[in-house]
PDB file of N, CA and C in Angstrom:
ATOM      1  N   MET A   1     204.090-266.313  84.637  1.00  0.00           N
ATOM      2  CA  MET A   1     202.834-265.614  84.518  1.00  0.00           C
ATOM      3  C   MET A   1     202.790-264.514  85.581  1.00  0.00           C
ATOM      4  N   SER A   2     202.430-263.326  85.143  1.00  0.00           N
ATOM      5  CA  SER A   2     202.392-262.191  86.066  1.00  0.00           C
ATOM      6  C   SER A   2     201.190-262.300  87.001  1.00  0.00           C
ATOM      7  N   ARG A   3     201.257-261.542  88.056  1.00  0.00           N
ATOM      8  CA  ARG A   3     200.171-261.542  89.035  1.00  0.00           C
ATOM      9  C   ARG A   3     198.882-261.020  88.401  1.00  0.00           C
ATOM     10  N   GLU A   4     199.023-260.000  87.576  1.00  0.00           N
ATOM     11  CA  GLU A   4     197.855-259.435  86.897  1.00  0.00           C
ATOM     12  C   GLU A   4     197.203-260.467  85.985  1.00  0.00           C
ATOM     13  N   GLN A   5     198.025-261.218  85.261  1.00  0.00           N
ATOM     14  CA  GLN A   5     197.495-262.253  84.373  1.00  0.00           C
ATOM     15  C   GLN A   5     196.811-263.350  85.179  1.00  0.00           C
ATOM     16  N   SER A   6     197.360-263.686  86.330  1.00  0.00           N
ATOM     17  CA  SER A   6     196.731-264.688  87.197  1.00  0.00           C
ATOM     18  C   SER A   6     195.359-264.216  87.661  1.00  0.00           C
ATOM     19  N   PHE A   7     195.270-262.951  88.048  1.00  0.00           N
ATOM     20  CA  PHE A   7     193.980-262.403  88.468  1.00  0.00           C
ATOM     21  C   PHE A   7     192.988-262.390  87.312  1.00  0.00           C
ATOM     22  N   MET A   8     193.468-262.067  86.126  1.00  0.00           N
ATOM     23  CA  MET A   8     192.585-262.078  84.956  1.00  0.00           C
ATOM     24  C   MET A   8     192.080-263.486  84.677  1.00  0.00           C
ATOM     25  N   ASN A   9     192.938-264.494  84.867  1.00  0.00           N
ATOM     26  CA  ASN A   9     192.510-265.879  84.691  1.00  0.00           C
ATOM     27  C   ASN A   9     191.453-266.267  85.717  1.00  0.00           C
ATOM     28  N   VAL A  10     191.623-265.806  86.961  1.00  0.00           N
ATOM     29  CA  VAL A  10     190.632-266.086  88.007  1.00  0.00           C
ATOM     30  C   VAL A  10     189.295-265.460  87.637  1.00  0.00           C
ATOM     31  N   LEU A  11     189.321-264.208  87.201  1.00  0.00           N
ATOM     32  CA  LEU A  11     188.083-263.531  86.819  1.00  0.00           C
ATOM     33  C   LEU A  11     187.438-264.177  85.600  1.00  0.00           C
ATOM     34  N   ASP A  12     188.247-264.600  84.638  1.00  0.00           N
ATOM     35  CA  ASP A  12     187.719-265.270  83.452  1.00  0.00           C
ATOM     36  C   ASP A  12     187.055-266.585  83.832  1.00  0.00           C
ATOM     37  N   ALA A  13     187.699-267.347  84.699  1.00  0.00           N
ATOM     38  CA  ALA A  13     187.115-268.615  85.148  1.00  0.00           C
ATOM     39  C   ALA A  13     185.817-268.378  85.908  1.00  0.00           C
ATOM     40  N   ALA A  14     185.790-267.354  86.746  1.00  0.00           N
ATOM     41  CA  ALA A  14     184.571-267.036  87.498  1.00  0.00           C
ATOM     42  C   ALA A  14     183.440-266.640  86.553  1.00  0.00           C
ATOM     43  N   ALA A  15     183.760-265.878  85.516  1.00  0.00           N
ATOM     44  CA  ALA A  15     182.742-265.479  84.543  1.00  0.00           C
ATOM     45  C   ALA A  15     182.195-266.687  83.793  1.00  0.00           C
ATOM     46  N   LYS A  16     183.069-267.627  83.448  1.00  0.00           N
ATOM     47  CA  LYS A  16     182.617-268.833  82.748  1.00  0.00           C
ATOM     48  C   LYS A  16     181.727-269.689  83.647  1.00  0.00           C
ATOM     49  N   VAL A  17     182.089-269.797  84.914  1.00  0.00           N
ATOM     50  CA  VAL A  17     181.264-270.569  85.848  1.00  0.00           C
ATOM     51  C   VAL A  17     179.908-269.892  86.014  1.00  0.00           C
ATOM     52  N   GLN A  18     179.899-268.569  86.117  1.00  0.00           N
ATOM     53  CA  GLN A  18     178.636-267.835  86.244  1.00  0.00           C
ATOM     54  C   GLN A  18     177.750-268.090  85.026  1.00  0.00           C
ATOM     55  N   TRP A  19     178.339-268.084  83.843  1.00  0.00           N
ATOM     56  CA  TRP A  19     177.574-268.334  82.626  1.00  0.00           C
ATOM     57  C   TRP A  19     176.995-269.745  82.648  1.00  0.00           C
ATOM     58  N   ASN A  20     177.803-270.725  83.068  1.00  0.00           N
ATOM     59  CA  ASN A  20     177.312-272.100  83.142  1.00  0.00           C
ATOM     60  C   ASN A  20     176.194-272.239  84.168  1.00  0.00           C
ATOM     61  N   VAL A  21     176.312-271.559  85.292  1.00  0.00           N
ATOM     62  CA  VAL A  21     175.245-271.582  86.298  1.00  0.00           C
ATOM     63  C   VAL A  21     173.970-270.985  85.703  1.00  0.00           C
ATOM     64  N   ALA A  22     174.108-269.911  84.946  1.00  0.00           N
ATOM     65  CA  ALA A  22     172.941-269.298  84.310  1.00  0.00           C
ATOM     66  C   ALA A  22     172.278-270.263  83.333  1.00  0.00           C
ATOM     67  N   MET A  23     173.074-271.001  82.573  1.00  0.00           N
ATOM     68  CA  MET A  23     172.514-271.973  81.634  1.00  0.00           C
ATOM     69  C   MET A  23     171.797-273.111  82.370  1.00  0.00           C
ATOM     70  N   ILE A  24     172.381-273.556  83.473  1.00  0.00           N
ATOM     71  CA  ILE A  24     171.760-274.609  84.276  1.00  0.00           C
ATOM     72  C   ILE A  24     170.431-274.121  84.837  1.00  0.00           C
ATOM     73  N   LEU A  25     170.418-272.900  85.350  1.00  0.00           N
ATOM     74  CA  LEU A  25     169.184-272.350  85.913  1.00  0.00           C
ATOM     75  C   LEU A  25     168.118-272.159  84.838  1.00  0.00           C
ATOM     76  N   GLU A  26     168.535-271.770  83.651  1.00  0.00           N
ATOM     77  CA  GLU A  26     167.578-271.619  82.561  1.00  0.00           C
ATOM     78  C   GLU A  26     166.960-272.966  82.197  1.00  0.00           C
ATOM     79  N   ALA A  27     167.779-274.003  82.116  1.00  0.00           N
ATOM     80  CA  ALA A  27     167.267-275.339  81.825  1.00  0.00           C
ATOM     81  C   ALA A  27     166.356-275.826  82.946  1.00  0.00           C
ATOM     82  N   LYS A  28     166.723-275.535  84.181  1.00  0.00           N
ATOM     83  CA  LYS A  28     165.903-275.910  85.332  1.00  0.00           C
ATOM     84  C   LYS A  28     164.541-275.220  85.268  1.00  0.00           C
ATOM     85  N   ALA A  29     164.537-273.949  84.873  1.00  0.00           N
ATOM     86  CA  ALA A  29     163.284-273.203  84.774  1.00  0.00           C
ATOM     87  C   ALA A  29     162.357-273.815  83.729  1.00  0.00           C
ATOM     88  N   VAL A  30     162.915-274.229  82.601  1.00  0.00           N
ATOM     89  CA  VAL A  30     162.112-274.874  81.561  1.00  0.00           C
ATOM     90  C   VAL A  30     161.552-276.193  82.080  1.00  0.00           C
ATOM     91  N   GLU A  31     162.387-276.962  82.769  1.00  0.00           N
ATOM     92  CA  GLU A  31     161.959-278.244  83.330  1.00  0.00           C
ATOM     93  C   GLU A  31     160.842-278.052  84.358  1.00  0.00           C
ATOM     94  N   VAL A  32     160.988-277.074  85.219  1.00  0.00           N
ATOM     95  CA  VAL A  32     159.984-276.824  86.254  1.00  0.00           C
ATOM     96  C   VAL A  32     158.678-276.338  85.631  1.00  0.00           C
ATOM     97  N   GLU A  33     158.764-275.541  84.592  1.00  0.00           N
ATOM     98  CA  GLU A  33     157.556-275.066  83.920  1.00  0.00           C
ATOM     99  C   GLU A  33     156.785-276.234  83.307  1.00  0.00           C
ATOM    100  N   LYS A  34     157.501-277.183  82.704  1.00  0.00           N
ATOM    101  CA  LYS A  34     156.842-278.370  82.153  1.00  0.00           C
ATOM    102  C   LYS A  34     156.186-279.191  83.256  1.00  0.00           C
ATOM    103  N   ALA A  35     156.891-279.355  84.372  1.00  0.00           N
ATOM    104  CA  ALA A  35     156.333-280.108  85.500  1.00  0.00           C
ATOM    105  C   ALA A  35     155.105-279.400  86.062  1.00  0.00           C
ATOM    106  N   ARG A  36     155.170-278.083  86.161  1.00  0.00           N
ATOM    107  CA  ARG A  36     154.026-277.319  86.663  1.00  0.00           C
ATOM    108  C   ARG A  36     152.809-277.506  85.773  1.00  0.00           C
ATOM    109  N   ASN A  37     153.015-277.426  84.457  1.00  0.00           N
ATOM    110  CA  ASN A  37     151.900-277.609  83.532  1.00  0.00           C
ATOM    111  C   ASN A  37     151.299-279.002  83.661  1.00  0.00           C
ATOM    112  N   TRP A  38     152.140-280.019  83.799  1.00  0.00           N
ATOM    113  CA  TRP A  38     151.635-281.384  83.949  1.00  0.00           C
ATOM    114  C   TRP A  38     150.843-281.518  85.248  1.00  0.00           C
ATOM    115  N   ILE A  39     151.389-280.976  86.326  1.00  0.00           N
ATOM    116  CA  ILE A  39     150.716-281.074  87.625  1.00  0.00           C
ATOM    117  C   ILE A  39     149.372-280.354  87.584  1.00  0.00           C
ATOM    118  N   MET A  40     149.334-279.184  86.976  1.00  0.00           N
ATOM    119  CA  MET A  40     148.083-278.425  86.906  1.00  0.00           C
ATOM    120  C   MET A  40     147.007-279.175  86.130  1.00  0.00           C
ATOM    121  N   ASN A  41     147.396-279.980  85.156  1.00  0.00           N
ATOM    122  CA  ASN A  41     146.426-280.696  84.326  1.00  0.00           C
ATOM    123  C   ASN A  41     146.083-282.087  84.840  1.00  0.00           C
ATOM    124  N   HIS A  42     146.949-282.710  85.651  1.00  0.00           N
ATOM    125  CA  HIS A  42     146.740-284.105  86.015  1.00  0.00           C
ATOM    126  C   HIS A  42     146.567-284.374  87.504  1.00  0.00           C
ATOM    127  N   VAL A  43     147.006-283.498  88.354  1.00  0.00           N
ATOM    128  CA  VAL A  43     146.936-283.751  89.792  1.00  0.00           C
ATOM    129  C   VAL A  43     145.801-282.914  90.385  1.00  0.00           C
ATOM    130  N   HIS A  44     144.888-283.605  91.055  1.00  0.00           N
ATOM    131  CA  HIS A  44     143.741-282.955  91.681  1.00  0.00           C
ATOM    132  C   HIS A  44     143.643-283.425  93.121  1.00  0.00           C
ATOM    133  N   GLY A  45     142.743-282.823  93.871  1.00  0.00           N
ATOM    134  CA  GLY A  45     142.557-283.188  95.272  1.00  0.00           C
ATOM    135  C   GLY A  45     142.269-284.664  95.465  1.00  0.00           C
ATOM    136  N   GLY A  46     141.568-285.283  94.528  1.00  0.00           N
ATOM    137  CA  GLY A  46     141.246-286.706  94.628  1.00  0.00           C
ATOM    138  C   GLY A  46     142.418-287.620  94.326  1.00  0.00           C
ATOM    139  N   SER A  47     143.533-287.074  93.883  1.00  0.00           N
ATOM    140  CA  SER A  47     144.708-287.879  93.548  1.00  0.00           C
ATOM    141  C   SER A  47     145.467-288.343  94.781  1.00  0.00           C
ATOM    142  N   PHE A  48     145.146-287.786  95.935  1.00  0.00           N
ATOM    143  CA  PHE A  48     145.876-288.098  97.161  1.00  0.00           C
ATOM    144  C   PHE A  48     145.011-288.926  98.096  1.00  0.00           C
ATOM    145  N   GLU A  49     145.685-289.775  98.870  1.00  0.00           N
ATOM    146  CA  GLU A  49     144.993-290.655  99.805  1.00  0.00           C
ATOM    147  C   GLU A  49     144.382-289.884 100.967  1.00  0.00           C
ATOM    148  N   SER A  50     145.113-288.895 101.449  1.00  0.00           N
ATOM    149  CA  SER A  50     144.641-288.133 102.601  1.00  0.00           C
ATOM    150  C   SER A  50     145.051-286.668 102.457  1.00  0.00           C
ATOM    151  N   HIS A  51     144.470-285.865 103.324  1.00  0.00           N
ATOM    152  CA  HIS A  51     144.805-284.441 103.326  1.00  0.00           C
ATOM    153  C   HIS A  51     146.268-284.236 103.720  1.00  0.00           C
ATOM    154  N   GLU A  52     146.749-285.082 104.626  1.00  0.00           N
ATOM    155  CA  GLU A  52     148.145-284.997 105.068  1.00  0.00           C
ATOM    156  C   GLU A  52     149.098-285.245 103.902  1.00  0.00           C
ATOM    157  N   LYS A  53     148.794-286.243 103.088  1.00  0.00           N
ATOM    158  CA  LYS A  53     149.622-286.562 101.921  1.00  0.00           C
ATOM    159  C   LYS A  53     149.579-285.412 100.906  1.00  0.00           C
ATOM    160  N   MET A  54     148.409-284.798 100.779  1.00  0.00           N
ATOM    161  CA  MET A  54     148.248-283.694  99.845  1.00  0.00           C
ATOM    162  C   MET A  54     149.102-282.488 100.267  1.00  0.00           C
ATOM    163  N   LEU A  55     149.308-282.311 101.552  1.00  0.00           N
ATOM    164  CA  LEU A  55     150.142-281.215 102.040  1.00  0.00           C
ATOM    165  C   LEU A  55     151.627-281.561 102.038  1.00  0.00           C
ATOM    166  N   SER A  56     151.955-282.839 102.258  1.00  0.00           N
ATOM    167  CA  SER A  56     153.364-283.217 102.373  1.00  0.00           C
ATOM    168  C   SER A  56     154.091-283.206 101.026  1.00  0.00           C
ATOM    169  N   GLU A  57     153.401-283.531  99.950  1.00  0.00           N
ATOM    170  CA  GLU A  57     154.047-283.549  98.628  1.00  0.00           C
ATOM    171  C   GLU A  57     154.560-282.161  98.215  1.00  0.00           C
ATOM    172  N   PRO A  58     153.739-281.117  98.278  1.00  0.00           N
ATOM    173  CA  PRO A  58     154.269-279.784  97.936  1.00  0.00           C
ATOM    174  C   PRO A  58     155.377-279.329  98.884  1.00  0.00           C
ATOM    175  N   LEU A  59     155.294-279.715 100.147  1.00  0.00           N
ATOM    176  CA  LEU A  59     156.342-279.335 101.093  1.00  0.00           C
ATOM    177  C   LEU A  59     157.672-279.973 100.721  1.00  0.00           C
ATOM    178  N   ASP A  60     157.637-281.207 100.226  1.00  0.00           N
ATOM    179  CA  ASP A  60     158.868-281.864  99.771  1.00  0.00           C
ATOM    180  C   ASP A  60     159.481-281.112  98.583  1.00  0.00           C
ATOM    181  N   ILE A  61     158.634-280.687  97.669  1.00  0.00           N
ATOM    182  CA  ILE A  61     159.114-279.941  96.504  1.00  0.00           C
ATOM    183  C   ILE A  61     159.710-278.607  96.944  1.00  0.00           C
ATOM    184  N   HIS A  62     159.041-277.935  97.860  1.00  0.00           N
ATOM    185  CA  HIS A  62     159.544-276.646  98.340  1.00  0.00           C
ATOM    186  C   HIS A  62     160.861-276.820  99.087  1.00  0.00           C
ATOM    187  N   GLU A  63     161.008-277.920  99.798  1.00  0.00           N
ATOM    188  CA  GLU A  63     162.268-278.187 100.501  1.00  0.00           C
ATOM    189  C   GLU A  63     163.417-278.334  99.507  1.00  0.00           C
ATOM    190  N   GLN A  64     163.154-279.004  98.388  1.00  0.00           N
ATOM    191  CA  GLN A  64     164.178-279.147  97.359  1.00  0.00           C
ATOM    192  C   GLN A  64     164.552-277.789  96.770  1.00  0.00           C
ATOM    193  N   LEU A  65     163.559-276.941  96.554  1.00  0.00           N
ATOM    194  CA  LEU A  65     163.837-275.609  96.018  1.00  0.00           C
ATOM    195  C   LEU A  65     164.664-274.777  96.989  1.00  0.00           C
ATOM    196  N   VAL A  66     164.375-274.896  98.273  1.00  0.00           N
ATOM    197  CA  VAL A  66     165.157-274.178  99.278  1.00  0.00           C
ATOM    198  C   VAL A  66     166.603-274.663  99.265  1.00  0.00           C
ATOM    199  N   GLU A  67     166.821-275.963  99.082  1.00  0.00           N
ATOM    200  CA  GLU A  67     168.179-276.503  99.010  1.00  0.00           C
ATOM    201  C   GLU A  67     168.920-275.956  97.790  1.00  0.00           C
ATOM    202  N   VAL A  68     168.229-275.838  96.656  1.00  0.00           N
ATOM    203  CA  VAL A  68     168.847-275.278  95.450  1.00  0.00           C
ATOM    204  C   VAL A  68     169.237-273.821  95.688  1.00  0.00           C
ATOM    205  N   ILE A  69     168.339-273.053  96.282  1.00  0.00           N
ATOM    206  CA  ILE A  69     168.626-271.644  96.561  1.00  0.00           C
ATOM    207  C   ILE A  69     169.782-271.519  97.544  1.00  0.00           C
ATOM    208  N   ASP A  70     169.817-272.388  98.554  1.00  0.00           N
ATOM    209  CA  ASP A  70     170.917-272.371  99.521  1.00  0.00           C
ATOM    210  C   ASP A  70     172.248-272.678  98.831  1.00  0.00           C
ATOM    211  N   GLY A  71     172.240-273.656  97.933  1.00  0.00           N
ATOM    212  CA  GLY A  71     173.458-273.989  97.192  1.00  0.00           C
ATOM    213  C   GLY A  71     173.928-272.836  96.321  1.00  0.00           C
ATOM    214  N   LEU A  72     172.986-272.163  95.661  1.00  0.00           N
ATOM    215  CA  LEU A  72     173.351-271.012  94.832  1.00  0.00           C
ATOM    216  C   LEU A  72     173.897-269.868  95.679  1.00  0.00           C
ATOM    217  N   THR A  73     173.332-269.693  96.861  1.00  0.00           N
ATOM    218  CA  THR A  73     173.829-268.648  97.757  1.00  0.00           C
ATOM    219  C   THR A  73     175.262-268.933  98.176  1.00  0.00           C
ATOM    220  N   LYS A  74     175.558-270.186  98.487  1.00  0.00           N
ATOM    221  CA  LYS A  74     176.924-270.559  98.864  1.00  0.00           C
ATOM    222  C   LYS A  74     177.881-270.380  97.689  1.00  0.00           C
ATOM    223  N   LEU A  75     177.431-270.733  96.491  1.00  0.00           N
ATOM    224  CA  LEU A  75     178.250-270.569  95.294  1.00  0.00           C
ATOM    225  C   LEU A  75     178.565-269.091  95.057  1.00  0.00           C
ATOM    226  N   GLN A  76     177.557-268.239  95.169  1.00  0.00           N
ATOM    227  CA  GLN A  76     177.766-266.809  94.973  1.00  0.00           C
ATOM    228  C   GLN A  76     178.660-266.223  96.061  1.00  0.00           C
ATOM    229  N   SER A  77     178.558-266.754  97.260  1.00  0.00           N
ATOM    230  CA  SER A  77     179.431-266.306  98.344  1.00  0.00           C
ATOM    231  C   SER A  77     180.891-266.632  98.022  1.00  0.00           C
ATOM    232  N   GLY A  78     181.122-267.805  97.441  1.00  0.00           N
ATOM    233  CA  GLY A  78     182.472-268.172  97.016  1.00  0.00           C
ATOM    234  C   GLY A  78     182.994-267.248  95.931  1.00  0.00           C
ATOM    235  N   PHE A  79     182.138-266.922  94.950  1.00  0.00           N
ATOM    236  CA  PHE A  79     182.538-265.978  93.908  1.00  0.00           C
ATOM    237  C   PHE A  79     182.859-264.617  94.510  1.00  0.00           C
ATOM    238  N   ASN A  80     182.061-264.230  95.482  1.00  0.00           N
ATOM    239  CA  ASN A  80     182.276-262.945  96.147  1.00  0.00           C
ATOM    240  C   ASN A  80     183.647-262.903  96.820  1.00  0.00           C
ATOM    241  N   SER A  81     184.014-263.971  97.502  1.00  0.00           N
ATOM    242  CA  SER A  81     185.317-263.982  98.177  1.00  0.00           C
ATOM    243  C   SER A  81     186.463-263.962  97.163  1.00  0.00           C
ATOM    244  N   ASN A  82     186.292-264.644  96.011  1.00  0.00           N
ATOM    245  CA  ASN A  82     187.321-264.598  94.965  1.00  0.00           C
ATOM    246  C   ASN A  82     187.468-263.187  94.410  1.00  0.00           C
ATOM    247  N   LEU A  83     186.346-262.534  94.159  1.00  0.00           N
ATOM    248  CA  LEU A  83     186.393-261.179  93.627  1.00  0.00           C
ATOM    249  C   LEU A  83     186.999-260.216  94.641  1.00  0.00           C
ATOM    250  N   LYS A  84     186.675-260.395  95.907  1.00  0.00           N
ATOM    251  CA  LYS A  84     187.268-259.551  96.945  1.00  0.00           C
ATOM    252  C   LYS A  84     188.783-259.730  96.985  1.00  0.00           C
ATOM    253  N   ALA A  85     189.246-260.971  96.823  1.00  0.00           N
ATOM    254  CA  ALA A  85     190.688-261.228  96.841  1.00  0.00           C
ATOM    255  C   ALA A  85     191.377-260.508  95.687  1.00  0.00           C
ATOM    256  N   VAL A  86     190.770-260.546  94.514  1.00  0.00           N
ATOM    257  CA  VAL A  86     191.356-259.874  93.357  1.00  0.00           C
ATOM    258  C   VAL A  86     191.333-258.365  93.554  1.00  0.00           C
ATOM    259  N   LEU A  87     190.206-257.834  93.991  1.00  0.00           N
ATOM    260  CA  LEU A  87     190.094-256.382  94.156  1.00  0.00           C
ATOM    261  C   LEU A  87     190.959-255.869  95.289  1.00  0.00           C
ATOM    262  N   THR A  88     191.050-256.626  96.374  1.00  0.00           N
ATOM    263  CA  THR A  88     191.883-256.210  97.497  1.00  0.00           C
ATOM    264  C   THR A  88     193.345-256.176  97.083  1.00  0.00           C
ATOM    265  N   SER A  89     193.786-257.177  96.338  1.00  0.00           N
ATOM    266  CA  SER A  89     195.173-257.205  95.872  1.00  0.00           C
ATOM    267  C   SER A  89     195.440-256.051  94.927  1.00  0.00           C
ATOM    268  N   ASP A  90     194.498-255.776  94.047  1.00  0.00           N
ATOM    269  CA  ASP A  90     194.649-254.682  93.096  1.00  0.00           C
ATOM    270  C   ASP A  90     194.665-253.343  93.824  1.00  0.00           C
ATOM    271  N   GLU A  91     193.851-253.207  94.849  1.00  0.00           N
ATOM    272  CA  GLU A  91     193.804-251.975  95.634  1.00  0.00           C
ATOM    273  C   GLU A  91     195.121-251.756  96.364  1.00  0.00           C
ATOM    274  N   ASP A  92     195.686-252.831  96.906  1.00  0.00           N
ATOM    275  CA  ASP A  92     196.958-252.722  97.611  1.00  0.00           C
ATOM    276  C   ASP A  92     198.063-252.240  96.678  1.00  0.00           C
ATOM    277  N   GLU A  93     198.041-252.740  95.431  1.00  0.00           N
ATOM    278  CA  GLU A  93     199.069-252.348  94.478  1.00  0.00           C
ATOM    279  C   GLU A  93     198.902-250.908  94.021  1.00  0.00           C
ATOM    280  N   SER A  94     197.658-250.484  93.783  1.00  0.00           N
ATOM    281  CA  SER A  94     197.444-249.141  93.249  1.00  0.00           C
ATOM    282  C   SER A  94     197.480-248.072  94.324  1.00  0.00           C
ATOM    283  N   GLY A  95     197.222-248.458  95.566  1.00  0.00           N
ATOM    284  CA  GLY A  95     197.252-247.506  96.664  1.00  0.00           C
ATOM    285  C   GLY A  95     196.025-246.622  96.724  1.00  0.00           C
ATOM    286  N   SER A  96     195.026-246.917  95.912  1.00  0.00           N
ATOM    287  CA  SER A  96     193.815-246.096  95.934  1.00  0.00           C
ATOM    288  C   SER A  96     192.796-246.715  96.866  1.00  0.00           C
ATOM    289  N   ASP A  97     191.771-245.919  97.185  1.00  0.00           N
ATOM    290  CA  ASP A  97     190.748-246.419  98.095  1.00  0.00           C
ATOM    291  C   ASP A  97     189.416-246.647  97.395  1.00  0.00           C
ATOM    292  N   ASP A  98     189.427-246.757  96.060  1.00  0.00           N
ATOM    293  CA  ASP A  98     188.178-246.962  95.334  1.00  0.00           C
ATOM    294  C   ASP A  98     188.010-248.403  94.864  1.00  0.00           C
ATOM    295  N   GLY A  99     188.680-249.342  95.480  1.00  0.00           N
ATOM    296  CA  GLY A  99     188.511-250.747  95.142  1.00  0.00           C
ATOM    297  C   GLY A  99     189.227-251.163  93.881  1.00  0.00           C
ATOM    298  N   GLY A 100     190.187-250.386  93.406  1.00  0.00           N
ATOM    299  CA  GLY A 100     190.922-250.766  92.218  1.00  0.00           C
ATOM    300  C   GLY A 100     190.197-250.477  90.923  1.00  0.00           C
ATOM    301  N   PHE A 101     189.229-249.557  90.951  1.00  0.00           N
ATOM    302  CA  PHE A 101     188.487-249.246  89.743  1.00  0.00           C
ATOM    303  C   PHE A 101     188.988-247.973  89.069  1.00  0.00           C
ATOM    304  N   ASP A 102     190.226-247.564  89.374  1.00  0.00           N
ATOM    305  CA  ASP A 102     190.873-246.413  88.735  1.00  0.00           C
ATOM    306  C   ASP A 102     190.003-245.159  88.768  1.00  0.00           C
ATOM    307  N   GLY A 103     189.434-244.856  89.914  1.00  0.00           N
ATOM    308  CA  GLY A 103     188.668-243.627  90.074  1.00  0.00           C
ATOM    309  C   GLY A 103     187.243-243.691  89.587  1.00  0.00           C
ATOM    310  N   LEU A 104     186.771-244.843  89.193  1.00  0.00           N
ATOM    311  CA  LEU A 104     185.421-244.964  88.667  1.00  0.00           C
ATOM    312  C   LEU A 104     184.379-244.532  89.688  1.00  0.00           C
ATOM    313  N   PHE A 105     184.594-244.857  90.956  1.00  0.00           N
ATOM    314  CA  PHE A 105     183.618-244.545  91.984  1.00  0.00           C
ATOM    315  C   PHE A 105     184.032-243.375  92.871  1.00  0.00           C
ATOM    316  N   SER A 106     185.118-242.715  92.573  1.00  0.00           N
ATOM    317  CA  SER A 106     185.584-241.648  93.451  1.00  0.00           C
ATOM    318  C   SER A 106     185.019-240.288  93.076  1.00  0.00           C
ATOM    319  N   GLY A 107     184.533-240.106  91.857  1.00  0.00           N
ATOM    320  CA  GLY A 107     184.004-238.821  91.424  1.00  0.00           C
ATOM    321  C   GLY A 107     182.538-238.675  91.769  1.00  0.00           C
ATOM    322  N   SER A 108     182.008-237.492  91.440  1.00  0.00           N
ATOM    323  CA  SER A 108     180.585-237.272  91.693  1.00  0.00           C
ATOM    324  C   SER A 108     179.780-237.969  90.609  1.00  0.00           C
ATOM    325  N   PHE A 109     178.582-238.347  90.968  1.00  0.00           N
ATOM    326  CA  PHE A 109     177.710-239.071  90.052  1.00  0.00           C
ATOM    327  C   PHE A 109     176.469-238.225  89.853  1.00  0.00           C
ATOM    328  N   ASP A 110     176.317-237.634  88.678  1.00  0.00           N
ATOM    329  CA  ASP A 110     175.223-236.720  88.412  1.00  0.00           C
ATOM    330  C   ASP A 110     174.359-237.298  87.307  1.00  0.00           C
ATOM    331  N   LEU A 111     173.063-237.443  87.579  1.00  0.00           N
ATOM    332  CA  LEU A 111     172.147-237.988  86.587  1.00  0.00           C
ATOM    333  C   LEU A 111     171.514-236.909  85.716  1.00  0.00           C
ATOM    334  N   GLU A 112     171.768-235.649  86.007  1.00  0.00           N
ATOM    335  CA  GLU A 112     171.170-234.570  85.234  1.00  0.00           C
ATOM    336  C   GLU A 112     171.851-234.441  83.882  1.00  0.00           C
ATOM    337  N   ASP A 113     171.124-233.885  82.941  1.00  0.00           N
ATOM    338  CA  ASP A 113     171.646-233.677  81.596  1.00  0.00           C
ATOM    339  C   ASP A 113     172.760-232.633  81.641  1.00  0.00           C
ATOM    340  N   SER A 114     173.918-232.949  81.098  1.00  0.00           N
ATOM    341  CA  SER A 114     175.074-232.055  81.179  1.00  0.00           C
ATOM    342  C   SER A 114     174.988-230.890  80.198  1.00  0.00           C
ATOM    343  N   GLU A 115     174.068-230.932  79.219  1.00  0.00           N
ATOM    344  CA  GLU A 115     173.951-229.871  78.229  1.00  0.00           C
ATOM    345  C   GLU A 115     173.210-228.654  78.763  1.00  0.00           C
ATOM    346  N   LYS A 116     172.480-228.777  79.839  1.00  0.00           N
ATOM    347  CA  LYS A 116     171.679-227.673  80.380  1.00  0.00           C
ATOM    348  C   LYS A 116     172.519-226.681  81.110  1.00  0.00           C
TER     349      LYS A 116
END
């Protein structure tokens, strides 16, 4: 297997993992929306024994959300390092300084209409 094919396999695997993460997050969003609706309809100030308990429950939920976000950040950081490895290797082979994008970012970028 050539080096280029190996890099393509790495990128393909990363894309599949990203898609799976997106599906997981979508399912999580649906689950959280259902939980939110239930909480809004069934949980009231009188549902808690004390004011302290009423504050600690949402804090526990927020702590879990922070852990999920932290995990996603670490996952994306790993993807970033994989992509950097592929692009750095490709840049070394091509000898260009545009990150291996074959001049995609080396030219001028004009948003004006070219017909004028």
